[in-house]
C-alpha cells in the first residue's frame, strides 16, 4: 500500500473546483459594515449630488423605483423653477433638484430688451402651467409629505413612505418615466369614450 505524502486532506464541504469552503463563506459578518461603507459613499454624494438626497436613499433601500425617484427630482425642479420665476425667495433648505430648477440669472427687465423680456415671460407662463398641472395631480393630504421629501430634501415618518410612493408612481407615468397603471389607463379610456359619445351627441 502506497504511503501518503504531505498534509492529510482536510474534511469539509468543497466547491466544484475542489477548494475547501471556509466558515466565513457561510455568512461574512463583515458584510453589513462593507455595505454600509458603500451605501454611505453614495449617500455623501460622491458620484452625484442627487445620490445623497432622501430620494436617493429611498432608492438605495429599495423603497422607490428608478422612475419614482426621477419623478421626485422632476417635482423639485418644477417647484424651484416656479418659485424663482414668480419672484418667491429661494428656500433655505432645499434639494439639489430644487436648486437646479431654481437656477439664477440677471433680471431681464433691467436689460430693456423687448425680445429677452418676451422670452422670460413665456418661461414664467410655462412654469406656472407646469406647477398648476403638478398640483392638480397631487392630493392635498399627500402634498406636504411629497414636498418635504422631494423639494426640501428632509426625512419624513417612514409610515408615510407608501403614500409618497403612490403619488410618485402616478407622477412617473404622467411625466413619461413609467407606463401608466392598467387602472389609470382604463379610467382614461372611459373618459375618452365618454367625451367621444358626448361629441357625437352634439
N, C-alpha and C. Protein backbone atom coordinates (compact mmCIF):
# COMPACT_ATOMS: atom_id res chain seq x y z
N UNK A 1 0.84 -1.19 0.00
CA UNK A 1 0.00 0.00 0.00
C UNK A 1 0.88 1.24 0.00
N UNK A 2 0.61 2.22 -0.91
CA UNK A 2 1.45 3.40 -1.04
C UNK A 2 1.26 4.31 0.15
N UNK A 3 2.36 4.90 0.60
CA UNK A 3 2.31 5.80 1.75
C UNK A 3 1.94 7.21 1.29
N UNK A 4 0.98 7.84 2.01
CA UNK A 4 0.53 9.19 1.64
C UNK A 4 1.60 10.21 2.00
N UNK A 5 1.89 11.13 1.05
CA UNK A 5 2.91 12.15 1.24
C UNK A 5 2.22 13.50 1.42
N UNK A 6 2.72 14.33 2.37
CA UNK A 6 2.17 15.67 2.58
C UNK A 6 1.09 15.67 3.65
N UNK A 7 0.43 16.86 3.76
CA UNK A 7 -0.61 17.02 4.78
C UNK A 7 -1.84 16.20 4.43
N UNK A 8 -2.51 15.69 5.45
CA UNK A 8 -3.75 14.95 5.18
C UNK A 8 -4.82 15.90 4.65
N UNK A 9 -5.70 15.41 3.81
CA UNK A 9 -6.76 16.20 3.21
C UNK A 9 -7.74 16.64 4.28
N UNK A 10 -8.02 17.94 4.34
CA UNK A 10 -8.95 18.47 5.33
C UNK A 10 -10.38 18.07 4.98
N UNK A 11 -11.11 17.72 6.02
CA UNK A 11 -12.51 17.36 5.82
C UNK A 11 -13.36 18.62 5.73
N UNK A 12 -14.43 18.53 5.00
CA UNK A 12 -15.34 19.67 4.91
C UNK A 12 -15.92 19.82 3.52
N UNK A 13 -16.93 20.69 3.41
CA UNK A 13 -17.60 20.91 2.13
C UNK A 13 -16.68 21.68 1.19
N UNK A 14 -16.72 21.32 -0.08
CA UNK A 14 -15.83 21.93 -1.06
C UNK A 14 -16.60 22.48 -2.25
N UNK A 15 -15.97 23.46 -2.94
CA UNK A 15 -16.53 24.00 -4.19
C UNK A 15 -16.30 22.98 -5.30
N UNK A 16 -16.90 23.23 -6.48
CA UNK A 16 -16.72 22.33 -7.63
C UNK A 16 -15.26 22.25 -8.04
N UNK A 17 -14.51 23.34 -7.79
CA UNK A 17 -13.09 23.36 -8.15
C UNK A 17 -12.24 22.49 -7.24
N UNK A 18 -12.83 22.08 -6.11
CA UNK A 18 -12.07 21.30 -5.15
C UNK A 18 -11.59 22.11 -3.97
N UNK A 19 -11.71 23.44 -4.04
CA UNK A 19 -11.28 24.29 -2.93
C UNK A 19 -12.23 24.13 -1.76
N UNK A 20 -11.65 24.15 -0.56
CA UNK A 20 -12.43 23.98 0.65
C UNK A 20 -13.19 25.26 0.98
N UNK A 21 -14.46 25.11 1.32
CA UNK A 21 -15.25 26.27 1.73
C UNK A 21 -14.90 26.64 3.17
N UNK A 22 -14.67 27.92 3.40
CA UNK A 22 -14.36 28.37 4.76
C UNK A 22 -15.65 28.68 5.50
N UNK A 23 -15.54 28.76 6.82
CA UNK A 23 -16.71 29.11 7.63
C UNK A 23 -17.23 30.50 7.27
N UNK A 24 -16.31 31.40 6.87
CA UNK A 24 -16.70 32.76 6.57
C UNK A 24 -17.61 32.82 5.35
N UNK A 25 -17.46 31.83 4.44
CA UNK A 25 -18.29 31.81 3.25
C UNK A 25 -19.76 31.59 3.60
N UNK A 26 -20.01 30.99 4.77
CA UNK A 26 -21.38 30.69 5.15
C UNK A 26 -22.12 31.94 5.59
N UNK A 27 -21.41 33.00 5.92
CA UNK A 27 -22.04 34.24 6.36
C UNK A 27 -20.99 35.21 6.85
N UNK A 28 -20.53 36.09 5.98
CA UNK A 28 -19.46 37.01 6.33
C UNK A 28 -20.02 38.08 7.28
N UNK A 29 -19.53 38.09 8.50
CA UNK A 29 -20.04 39.04 9.48
C UNK A 29 -19.65 40.47 9.13
N UNK A 30 -18.68 40.64 8.22
CA UNK A 30 -18.28 41.98 7.83
C UNK A 30 -19.22 42.59 6.79
N UNK A 31 -20.07 41.76 6.18
CA UNK A 31 -20.89 42.23 5.07
C UNK A 31 -21.71 43.47 5.40
N UNK A 32 -22.43 43.51 6.54
CA UNK A 32 -23.19 44.72 6.82
C UNK A 32 -22.33 45.97 6.87
N UNK A 33 -21.12 45.86 7.45
CA UNK A 33 -20.22 47.01 7.52
C UNK A 33 -19.73 47.41 6.15
N UNK A 34 -19.39 46.42 5.32
CA UNK A 34 -18.93 46.73 3.97
C UNK A 34 -20.03 47.43 3.17
N UNK A 35 -21.27 46.89 3.30
CA UNK A 35 -22.38 47.52 2.56
C UNK A 35 -22.63 48.92 3.08
N UNK A 36 -22.50 49.12 4.40
CA UNK A 36 -22.72 50.46 4.97
C UNK A 36 -21.72 51.46 4.40
N UNK A 37 -20.48 51.01 4.24
CA UNK A 37 -19.47 51.91 3.67
C UNK A 37 -19.81 52.27 2.23
N UNK A 38 -20.24 51.28 1.46
CA UNK A 38 -20.61 51.54 0.07
C UNK A 38 -21.81 52.48 0.02
N UNK A 39 -22.79 52.19 0.85
CA UNK A 39 -24.02 52.99 0.88
C UNK A 39 -23.72 54.42 1.32
N UNK A 40 -22.90 54.55 2.36
CA UNK A 40 -22.58 55.89 2.87
C UNK A 40 -21.80 56.70 1.84
N UNK A 41 -20.98 56.01 1.05
CA UNK A 41 -20.26 56.72 -0.01
C UNK A 41 -21.22 57.32 -1.02
N UNK A 42 -22.27 56.57 -1.36
CA UNK A 42 -23.27 57.09 -2.29
C UNK A 42 -24.10 58.18 -1.64
N UNK A 43 -24.43 57.98 -0.35
CA UNK A 43 -25.25 58.96 0.35
C UNK A 43 -24.54 60.29 0.48
N UNK A 44 -23.21 60.25 0.59
CA UNK A 44 -22.44 61.50 0.69
C UNK A 44 -22.40 62.24 -0.64
N UNK A 45 -22.92 61.61 -1.68
CA UNK A 45 -22.99 62.27 -2.97
C UNK A 45 -21.68 62.31 -3.71
N UNK A 46 -20.82 61.31 -3.48
CA UNK A 46 -19.52 61.30 -4.14
C UNK A 46 -19.67 61.22 -5.65
N UNK A 47 -20.65 60.44 -6.12
CA UNK A 47 -20.82 60.26 -7.55
C UNK A 47 -21.67 61.37 -8.16
N UNK A 48 -22.71 61.78 -7.45
CA UNK A 48 -23.64 62.78 -7.98
C UNK A 48 -24.37 63.39 -6.79
N UNK A 49 -24.61 64.69 -6.80
CA UNK A 49 -25.30 65.31 -5.65
C UNK A 49 -26.67 64.73 -5.38
N UNK A 50 -27.35 64.23 -6.40
CA UNK A 50 -28.68 63.66 -6.18
C UNK A 50 -28.60 62.36 -5.38
N UNK A 51 -27.45 61.69 -5.40
CA UNK A 51 -27.33 60.40 -4.72
C UNK A 51 -27.48 60.52 -3.21
N UNK A 52 -27.14 61.68 -2.67
CA UNK A 52 -27.20 61.86 -1.23
C UNK A 52 -28.52 62.37 -0.72
N UNK A 53 -29.51 62.50 -1.58
CA UNK A 53 -30.81 63.03 -1.16
C UNK A 53 -31.65 61.95 -0.48
N UNK A 54 -32.73 62.39 0.14
CA UNK A 54 -33.68 61.44 0.73
C UNK A 54 -34.21 60.50 -0.35
N UNK A 55 -34.52 61.05 -1.52
CA UNK A 55 -34.99 60.20 -2.62
C UNK A 55 -33.93 59.17 -3.00
N UNK A 56 -32.68 59.59 -3.04
CA UNK A 56 -31.61 58.67 -3.38
C UNK A 56 -31.49 57.55 -2.37
N UNK A 57 -31.62 57.88 -1.10
CA UNK A 57 -31.52 56.84 -0.07
C UNK A 57 -32.71 55.89 -0.14
N UNK A 58 -33.89 56.44 -0.40
CA UNK A 58 -35.06 55.55 -0.53
C UNK A 58 -34.89 54.60 -1.70
N UNK A 59 -34.21 55.07 -2.75
CA UNK A 59 -33.93 54.20 -3.88
C UNK A 59 -32.95 53.10 -3.49
N UNK A 60 -31.90 53.48 -2.77
CA UNK A 60 -30.89 52.51 -2.33
C UNK A 60 -31.53 51.44 -1.44
N UNK A 61 -32.47 51.85 -0.60
CA UNK A 61 -33.13 50.91 0.30
C UNK A 61 -34.23 50.11 -0.39
N UNK A 62 -34.49 50.40 -1.67
CA UNK A 62 -35.49 49.66 -2.41
C UNK A 62 -36.91 50.12 -2.17
N UNK A 63 -37.08 51.28 -1.52
CA UNK A 63 -38.43 51.77 -1.24
C UNK A 63 -39.06 52.46 -2.44
N UNK A 64 -38.23 52.94 -3.39
CA UNK A 64 -38.73 53.62 -4.57
C UNK A 64 -38.04 53.05 -5.81
N UNK A 65 -38.78 53.00 -6.91
CA UNK A 65 -38.19 52.57 -8.18
C UNK A 65 -37.43 53.73 -8.81
N UNK A 66 -36.64 53.44 -9.82
CA UNK A 66 -35.88 54.49 -10.51
C UNK A 66 -36.82 55.54 -11.10
N UNK A 67 -37.92 55.08 -11.68
CA UNK A 67 -38.88 56.01 -12.30
C UNK A 67 -39.50 56.91 -11.25
N UNK A 68 -39.80 56.36 -10.07
CA UNK A 68 -40.40 57.15 -9.00
C UNK A 68 -39.42 58.19 -8.47
N UNK A 69 -38.17 57.81 -8.35
CA UNK A 69 -37.14 58.76 -7.90
C UNK A 69 -36.98 59.88 -8.92
N UNK A 70 -36.94 59.51 -10.19
CA UNK A 70 -36.81 60.51 -11.25
C UNK A 70 -38.00 61.47 -11.22
N UNK A 71 -39.19 60.94 -10.94
CA UNK A 71 -40.37 61.80 -10.83
C UNK A 71 -40.23 62.76 -9.66
N UNK A 72 -39.65 62.29 -8.56
CA UNK A 72 -39.43 63.15 -7.41
C UNK A 72 -38.48 64.28 -7.72
N UNK A 73 -37.42 63.99 -8.49
CA UNK A 73 -36.50 65.05 -8.90
C UNK A 73 -37.21 66.07 -9.80
N UNK A 74 -38.07 65.57 -10.67
CA UNK A 74 -38.81 66.47 -11.56
C UNK A 74 -39.74 67.38 -10.74
N UNK A 75 -40.36 66.83 -9.72
CA UNK A 75 -41.23 67.64 -8.85
C UNK A 75 -40.44 68.80 -8.26
N UNK A 76 -39.26 68.51 -7.73
CA UNK A 76 -38.44 69.55 -7.11
C UNK A 76 -38.02 70.61 -8.13
N UNK A 77 -37.67 70.18 -9.34
CA UNK A 77 -37.27 71.12 -10.38
C UNK A 77 -38.43 72.03 -10.78
N UNK A 78 -39.62 71.46 -10.89
CA UNK A 78 -40.80 72.25 -11.25
C UNK A 78 -41.08 73.30 -10.18
N UNK A 79 -41.02 72.89 -8.93
CA UNK A 79 -41.28 73.82 -7.83
C UNK A 79 -40.21 74.91 -7.78
N UNK A 80 -38.95 74.52 -7.95
CA UNK A 80 -37.87 75.50 -7.92
C UNK A 80 -37.99 76.53 -9.03
N UNK A 81 -38.29 76.05 -10.24
CA UNK A 81 -38.43 76.96 -11.38
C UNK A 81 -39.62 77.90 -11.17
N UNK A 82 -40.72 77.35 -10.67
CA UNK A 82 -41.92 78.16 -10.43
C UNK A 82 -41.64 79.24 -9.39
N UNK A 83 -40.98 78.87 -8.32
CA UNK A 83 -40.77 79.83 -7.25
C UNK A 83 -39.81 80.95 -7.66
N UNK A 84 -38.81 80.63 -8.46
CA UNK A 84 -37.90 81.71 -8.89
C UNK A 84 -38.59 82.64 -9.89
N UNK A 85 -39.27 82.05 -10.88
CA UNK A 85 -39.86 82.87 -11.93
C UNK A 85 -41.08 83.67 -11.47
N UNK A 86 -41.65 83.27 -10.33
CA UNK A 86 -42.78 84.05 -9.80
C UNK A 86 -42.32 84.97 -8.66
N UNK A 87 -41.02 85.06 -8.46
CA UNK A 87 -40.48 86.03 -7.50
C UNK A 87 -40.42 85.57 -6.07
N UNK A 88 -40.63 84.29 -5.81
CA UNK A 88 -40.54 83.79 -4.44
C UNK A 88 -39.09 83.59 -4.04
N UNK A 89 -38.75 83.81 -2.77
CA UNK A 89 -37.36 83.66 -2.35
C UNK A 89 -36.91 82.20 -2.38
N UNK A 90 -35.62 82.01 -2.55
CA UNK A 90 -35.06 80.66 -2.55
C UNK A 90 -35.23 80.04 -1.16
N UNK A 91 -35.59 78.78 -1.12
CA UNK A 91 -35.77 78.08 0.16
C UNK A 91 -34.42 77.91 0.85
N UNK A 92 -34.43 78.07 2.18
CA UNK A 92 -33.20 77.92 2.95
C UNK A 92 -32.74 76.47 2.97
N UNK A 93 -33.69 75.55 3.03
CA UNK A 93 -33.39 74.11 3.00
C UNK A 93 -34.04 73.54 1.74
N UNK A 94 -33.23 73.02 0.85
CA UNK A 94 -33.77 72.55 -0.42
C UNK A 94 -32.90 71.45 -1.00
N UNK A 95 -33.51 70.66 -1.86
CA UNK A 95 -32.80 69.56 -2.51
C UNK A 95 -31.98 70.08 -3.68
N UNK A 96 -30.98 69.32 -4.13
CA UNK A 96 -30.20 69.72 -5.31
C UNK A 96 -31.08 69.88 -6.55
N UNK A 97 -32.13 69.07 -6.67
CA UNK A 97 -33.03 69.19 -7.83
C UNK A 97 -33.79 70.51 -7.78
N UNK A 98 -34.19 70.92 -6.59
CA UNK A 98 -34.86 72.23 -6.44
C UNK A 98 -33.88 73.34 -6.84
N UNK A 99 -32.65 73.25 -6.37
CA UNK A 99 -31.64 74.27 -6.68
C UNK A 99 -31.41 74.34 -8.20
N UNK A 100 -31.41 73.17 -8.83
CA UNK A 100 -31.24 73.12 -10.28
C UNK A 100 -32.41 73.82 -10.97
N UNK A 101 -33.63 73.56 -10.50
CA UNK A 101 -34.79 74.19 -11.09
C UNK A 101 -34.85 75.68 -10.81
N UNK A 102 -34.42 76.08 -9.62
CA UNK A 102 -34.48 77.49 -9.24
C UNK A 102 -33.50 78.31 -10.08
N UNK A 103 -32.30 77.76 -10.25
CA UNK A 103 -31.33 78.43 -11.13
C UNK A 103 -31.02 79.85 -10.69
N UNK A 104 -30.83 80.70 -11.66
CA UNK A 104 -30.49 82.10 -11.39
C UNK A 104 -30.23 82.84 -12.69
N UNK A 105 -29.85 84.07 -12.57
CA UNK A 105 -29.58 84.87 -13.76
C UNK A 105 -29.96 86.32 -13.54
N UNK A 106 -29.56 87.19 -14.45
CA UNK A 106 -29.86 88.61 -14.32
C UNK A 106 -31.34 88.90 -14.55
N UNK A 107 -31.79 90.02 -14.06
CA UNK A 107 -33.17 90.46 -14.23
C UNK A 107 -33.37 90.88 -15.69
N UNK A 108 -34.24 90.19 -16.44
CA UNK A 108 -34.41 90.53 -17.86
C UNK A 108 -34.99 91.93 -18.06
N UNK A 109 -35.75 92.40 -17.10
CA UNK A 109 -36.36 93.72 -17.24
C UNK A 109 -35.32 94.82 -17.16
N UNK A 110 -34.22 94.54 -16.47
CA UNK A 110 -33.17 95.55 -16.34
C UNK A 110 -32.48 95.80 -17.67
N UNK A 111 -32.51 94.81 -18.56
CA UNK A 111 -31.83 94.96 -19.85
C UNK A 111 -32.59 95.87 -20.80
N UNK A 112 -33.91 95.93 -20.63
CA UNK A 112 -34.72 96.73 -21.54
C UNK A 112 -34.90 96.10 -22.90
N UNK A 113 -34.42 94.86 -23.09
CA UNK A 113 -34.51 94.14 -24.36
C UNK A 113 -35.89 93.51 -24.47
N UNK A 114 -36.69 93.98 -25.41
CA UNK A 114 -38.07 93.50 -25.55
C UNK A 114 -38.13 92.01 -25.85
N UNK A 115 -37.23 91.54 -26.71
CA UNK A 115 -37.23 90.12 -27.07
C UNK A 115 -36.86 89.26 -25.87
N UNK A 116 -35.88 89.71 -25.10
CA UNK A 116 -35.46 88.97 -23.91
C UNK A 116 -36.59 88.93 -22.88
N UNK A 117 -37.27 90.04 -22.72
CA UNK A 117 -38.38 90.11 -21.78
C UNK A 117 -39.52 89.19 -22.22
N UNK A 118 -39.80 89.17 -23.51
CA UNK A 118 -40.87 88.32 -24.03
C UNK A 118 -40.55 86.84 -23.77
N UNK A 119 -39.29 86.44 -24.01
CA UNK A 119 -38.89 85.05 -23.75
C UNK A 119 -39.03 84.72 -22.26
N UNK A 120 -38.64 85.66 -21.43
CA UNK A 120 -38.74 85.45 -19.98
C UNK A 120 -40.20 85.28 -19.57
N UNK A 121 -41.07 86.09 -20.10
CA UNK A 121 -42.49 86.00 -19.73
C UNK A 121 -43.11 84.69 -20.22
N UNK A 122 -42.63 84.19 -21.36
CA UNK A 122 -43.11 82.88 -21.81
C UNK A 122 -42.65 81.79 -20.84
N UNK A 123 -41.43 81.91 -20.35
CA UNK A 123 -40.92 80.94 -19.38
C UNK A 123 -41.73 81.00 -18.09
N UNK A 124 -42.11 82.21 -17.69
CA UNK A 124 -42.94 82.35 -16.48
C UNK A 124 -44.27 81.64 -16.67
N UNK A 125 -44.91 81.88 -17.81
CA UNK A 125 -46.21 81.23 -18.07
C UNK A 125 -46.06 79.71 -18.11
N UNK A 126 -44.97 79.25 -18.71
CA UNK A 126 -44.74 77.80 -18.77
C UNK A 126 -44.52 77.20 -17.39
N UNK A 127 -43.78 77.92 -16.56
CA UNK A 127 -43.51 77.44 -15.20
C UNK A 127 -44.78 77.39 -14.37
N UNK A 128 -45.63 78.39 -14.53
CA UNK A 128 -46.90 78.43 -13.79
C UNK A 128 -47.79 77.27 -14.22
N UNK A 129 -47.88 77.02 -15.52
CA UNK A 129 -48.72 75.92 -16.02
C UNK A 129 -48.20 74.58 -15.51
N UNK A 130 -46.87 74.40 -15.55
CA UNK A 130 -46.28 73.13 -15.08
C UNK A 130 -46.57 72.93 -13.60
N UNK A 131 -46.47 74.00 -12.82
CA UNK A 131 -46.73 73.90 -11.38
C UNK A 131 -48.20 73.60 -11.13
N UNK A 132 -49.08 74.24 -11.86
CA UNK A 132 -50.52 74.00 -11.67
C UNK A 132 -50.89 72.57 -12.06
N UNK A 133 -50.28 72.05 -13.13
CA UNK A 133 -50.54 70.66 -13.51
C UNK A 133 -50.06 69.71 -12.42
N UNK A 134 -48.90 70.04 -11.85
CA UNK A 134 -48.37 69.20 -10.77
C UNK A 134 -49.32 69.19 -9.58
N UNK A 135 -49.74 70.37 -9.16
CA UNK A 135 -50.63 70.47 -8.00
C UNK A 135 -51.93 69.72 -8.24
N UNK A 136 -52.45 69.77 -9.47
CA UNK A 136 -53.70 69.07 -9.81
C UNK A 136 -53.57 67.56 -9.64
N UNK A 137 -52.34 67.04 -9.79
CA UNK A 137 -52.13 65.60 -9.73
C UNK A 137 -51.74 65.09 -8.34
N UNK A 138 -51.53 66.01 -7.42
CA UNK A 138 -51.09 65.62 -6.08
C UNK A 138 -52.23 65.86 -5.08
N UNK A 139 -52.71 64.81 -4.41
CA UNK A 139 -53.77 65.00 -3.42
C UNK A 139 -53.31 65.96 -2.33
N UNK A 140 -54.22 66.80 -1.86
CA UNK A 140 -53.87 67.80 -0.85
C UNK A 140 -53.28 67.16 0.40
N UNK A 141 -53.80 66.00 0.79
CA UNK A 141 -53.34 65.37 2.02
C UNK A 141 -51.93 64.80 1.89
N UNK A 142 -51.49 64.56 0.65
CA UNK A 142 -50.15 63.99 0.45
C UNK A 142 -49.12 65.00 0.01
N UNK A 143 -49.53 66.26 -0.14
CA UNK A 143 -48.63 67.27 -0.70
C UNK A 143 -47.48 67.62 0.24
N UNK A 144 -47.79 67.76 1.53
CA UNK A 144 -46.75 68.15 2.48
C UNK A 144 -45.64 67.10 2.53
N UNK A 145 -46.03 65.84 2.62
CA UNK A 145 -45.02 64.77 2.68
C UNK A 145 -44.20 64.71 1.40
N UNK A 146 -44.88 64.86 0.26
CA UNK A 146 -44.18 64.81 -1.03
C UNK A 146 -43.17 65.95 -1.14
N UNK A 147 -43.59 67.16 -0.81
CA UNK A 147 -42.70 68.32 -0.93
C UNK A 147 -41.57 68.26 0.10
N UNK A 148 -41.86 67.72 1.28
CA UNK A 148 -40.81 67.60 2.30
C UNK A 148 -39.68 66.72 1.79
N UNK A 149 -40.03 65.60 1.15
CA UNK A 149 -39.01 64.68 0.64
C UNK A 149 -38.35 65.22 -0.62
N UNK A 150 -39.14 65.62 -1.60
CA UNK A 150 -38.61 65.97 -2.92
C UNK A 150 -38.01 67.37 -2.97
N UNK A 151 -38.70 68.33 -2.39
CA UNK A 151 -38.29 69.74 -2.51
C UNK A 151 -37.34 70.15 -1.40
N UNK A 152 -37.74 69.83 -0.14
CA UNK A 152 -36.92 70.24 1.00
C UNK A 152 -35.79 69.26 1.30
N UNK A 153 -35.88 68.06 0.74
CA UNK A 153 -34.87 67.02 0.98
C UNK A 153 -34.75 66.72 2.47
N UNK A 154 -35.89 66.53 3.11
CA UNK A 154 -35.92 66.21 4.54
C UNK A 154 -36.64 64.88 4.75
N UNK A 155 -36.26 64.20 5.83
CA UNK A 155 -36.87 62.92 6.15
C UNK A 155 -38.30 63.11 6.64
N UNK A 156 -39.11 62.08 6.43
CA UNK A 156 -40.47 62.06 6.96
C UNK A 156 -40.66 60.75 7.70
N UNK A 157 -41.77 60.65 8.42
CA UNK A 157 -42.10 59.40 9.10
C UNK A 157 -42.18 58.27 8.08
N UNK A 158 -41.52 57.17 8.37
CA UNK A 158 -41.49 56.05 7.42
C UNK A 158 -42.89 55.50 7.13
N UNK A 159 -43.84 55.74 8.02
CA UNK A 159 -45.21 55.28 7.77
C UNK A 159 -45.83 56.01 6.58
N UNK A 160 -45.27 57.17 6.22
CA UNK A 160 -45.79 57.95 5.10
C UNK A 160 -45.13 57.57 3.77
N UNK A 161 -44.10 56.73 3.81
CA UNK A 161 -43.41 56.35 2.58
C UNK A 161 -44.33 55.74 1.53
N UNK A 162 -45.25 54.82 1.92
CA UNK A 162 -46.14 54.25 0.90
C UNK A 162 -47.02 55.30 0.22
N UNK A 163 -47.45 56.31 0.99
CA UNK A 163 -48.27 57.38 0.39
C UNK A 163 -47.47 58.17 -0.63
N UNK A 164 -46.22 58.49 -0.26
CA UNK A 164 -45.36 59.24 -1.18
C UNK A 164 -45.07 58.40 -2.43
N UNK A 165 -44.82 57.11 -2.22
CA UNK A 165 -44.55 56.23 -3.37
C UNK A 165 -45.73 56.17 -4.31
N UNK A 166 -46.94 56.12 -3.76
CA UNK A 166 -48.13 56.05 -4.60
C UNK A 166 -48.27 57.30 -5.47
N UNK A 167 -48.02 58.46 -4.87
CA UNK A 167 -48.10 59.71 -5.64
C UNK A 167 -47.01 59.74 -6.70
N UNK A 168 -45.79 59.35 -6.32
CA UNK A 168 -44.68 59.38 -7.28
C UNK A 168 -44.89 58.39 -8.41
N UNK A 169 -45.56 57.28 -8.13
CA UNK A 169 -45.83 56.30 -9.19
C UNK A 169 -46.75 56.91 -10.24
N UNK A 170 -47.79 57.63 -9.78
CA UNK A 170 -48.69 58.29 -10.73
C UNK A 170 -47.96 59.39 -11.49
N UNK A 171 -47.13 60.15 -10.80
CA UNK A 171 -46.41 61.24 -11.46
C UNK A 171 -45.40 60.69 -12.47
N UNK A 172 -44.79 59.56 -12.14
CA UNK A 172 -43.82 58.95 -13.06
C UNK A 172 -44.50 58.60 -14.38
N UNK A 173 -45.72 58.09 -14.29
CA UNK A 173 -46.48 57.78 -15.51
C UNK A 173 -46.85 59.06 -16.24
N UNK A 174 -47.24 60.08 -15.49
CA UNK A 174 -47.63 61.36 -16.09
C UNK A 174 -46.46 62.02 -16.80
N UNK A 175 -45.26 61.92 -16.21
CA UNK A 175 -44.08 62.54 -16.79
C UNK A 175 -43.48 61.70 -17.92
N UNK A 176 -43.98 60.47 -18.08
CA UNK A 176 -43.46 59.60 -19.13
C UNK A 176 -42.27 58.77 -18.71
N UNK A 177 -42.02 58.67 -17.40
CA UNK A 177 -40.90 57.87 -16.89
C UNK A 177 -41.29 56.41 -16.71
N UNK A 178 -42.59 56.14 -16.66
CA UNK A 178 -43.09 54.77 -16.45
C UNK A 178 -44.44 54.64 -17.13
N UNK A 179 -44.81 53.40 -17.42
CA UNK A 179 -46.12 53.15 -18.03
C UNK A 179 -47.22 53.39 -17.01
N UNK A 180 -48.34 53.91 -17.48
CA UNK A 180 -49.48 54.12 -16.59
C UNK A 180 -50.03 52.78 -16.14
N UNK A 181 -50.56 52.75 -14.92
CA UNK A 181 -51.14 51.51 -14.40
C UNK A 181 -52.38 51.16 -15.22
N UNK A 182 -52.71 49.85 -15.31
CA UNK A 182 -53.91 49.45 -16.07
C UNK A 182 -55.16 50.15 -15.57
N UNK A 183 -55.23 50.38 -14.26
CA UNK A 183 -56.42 51.04 -13.71
C UNK A 183 -56.53 52.47 -14.22
N UNK A 184 -55.36 53.16 -14.24
CA UNK A 184 -55.36 54.54 -14.72
C UNK A 184 -55.69 54.60 -16.20
N UNK A 185 -55.16 53.63 -16.96
CA UNK A 185 -55.42 53.59 -18.40
C UNK A 185 -56.89 53.36 -18.66
N UNK A 186 -57.49 52.42 -17.90
CA UNK A 186 -58.91 52.13 -18.10
C UNK A 186 -59.76 53.34 -17.80
N UNK A 187 -59.38 54.12 -16.75
CA UNK A 187 -60.12 55.33 -16.45
C UNK A 187 -59.98 56.34 -17.59
N UNK A 188 -58.77 56.41 -18.16
CA UNK A 188 -58.55 57.33 -19.26
C UNK A 188 -59.33 56.93 -20.49
N UNK A 189 -59.38 55.63 -20.78
CA UNK A 189 -60.15 55.15 -21.92
C UNK A 189 -61.63 55.44 -21.74
N UNK A 190 -62.10 55.25 -20.51
CA UNK A 190 -63.52 55.51 -20.24
C UNK A 190 -63.84 56.99 -20.43
N UNK A 191 -62.91 57.85 -19.96
CA UNK A 191 -63.12 59.29 -20.12
C UNK A 191 -63.12 59.68 -21.59
N UNK A 192 -62.21 59.07 -22.37
CA UNK A 192 -62.15 59.38 -23.81
C UNK A 192 -63.42 58.91 -24.50
N UNK A 193 -63.90 57.74 -24.11
CA UNK A 193 -65.12 57.21 -24.72
C UNK A 193 -66.31 58.11 -24.40
N UNK A 194 -66.36 58.58 -23.15
CA UNK A 194 -67.46 59.47 -22.77
C UNK A 194 -67.42 60.77 -23.55
N UNK A 195 -66.18 61.29 -23.72
CA UNK A 195 -66.04 62.53 -24.46
C UNK A 195 -66.44 62.33 -25.91
N UNK A 196 -66.08 61.16 -26.49
CA UNK A 196 -66.43 60.88 -27.88
C UNK A 196 -67.94 60.76 -28.05
N UNK A 197 -68.58 60.11 -27.08
CA UNK A 197 -70.04 59.94 -27.13
C UNK A 197 -70.73 61.30 -27.04
N UNK A 198 -70.20 62.15 -26.16
CA UNK A 198 -70.78 63.46 -26.00
C UNK A 198 -70.62 64.28 -27.27
N UNK A 199 -69.45 64.10 -27.92
CA UNK A 199 -69.20 64.83 -29.16
C UNK A 199 -70.14 64.39 -30.27
N UNK A 200 -70.41 63.10 -30.34
CA UNK A 200 -71.32 62.58 -31.36
C UNK A 200 -72.74 63.06 -31.11
N UNK A 201 -73.10 63.19 -29.82
CA UNK A 201 -74.46 63.62 -29.48
C UNK A 201 -74.68 65.04 -29.94
N UNK A 202 -73.60 65.87 -29.92
CA UNK A 202 -73.73 67.23 -30.42
C UNK A 202 -73.93 67.23 -31.92
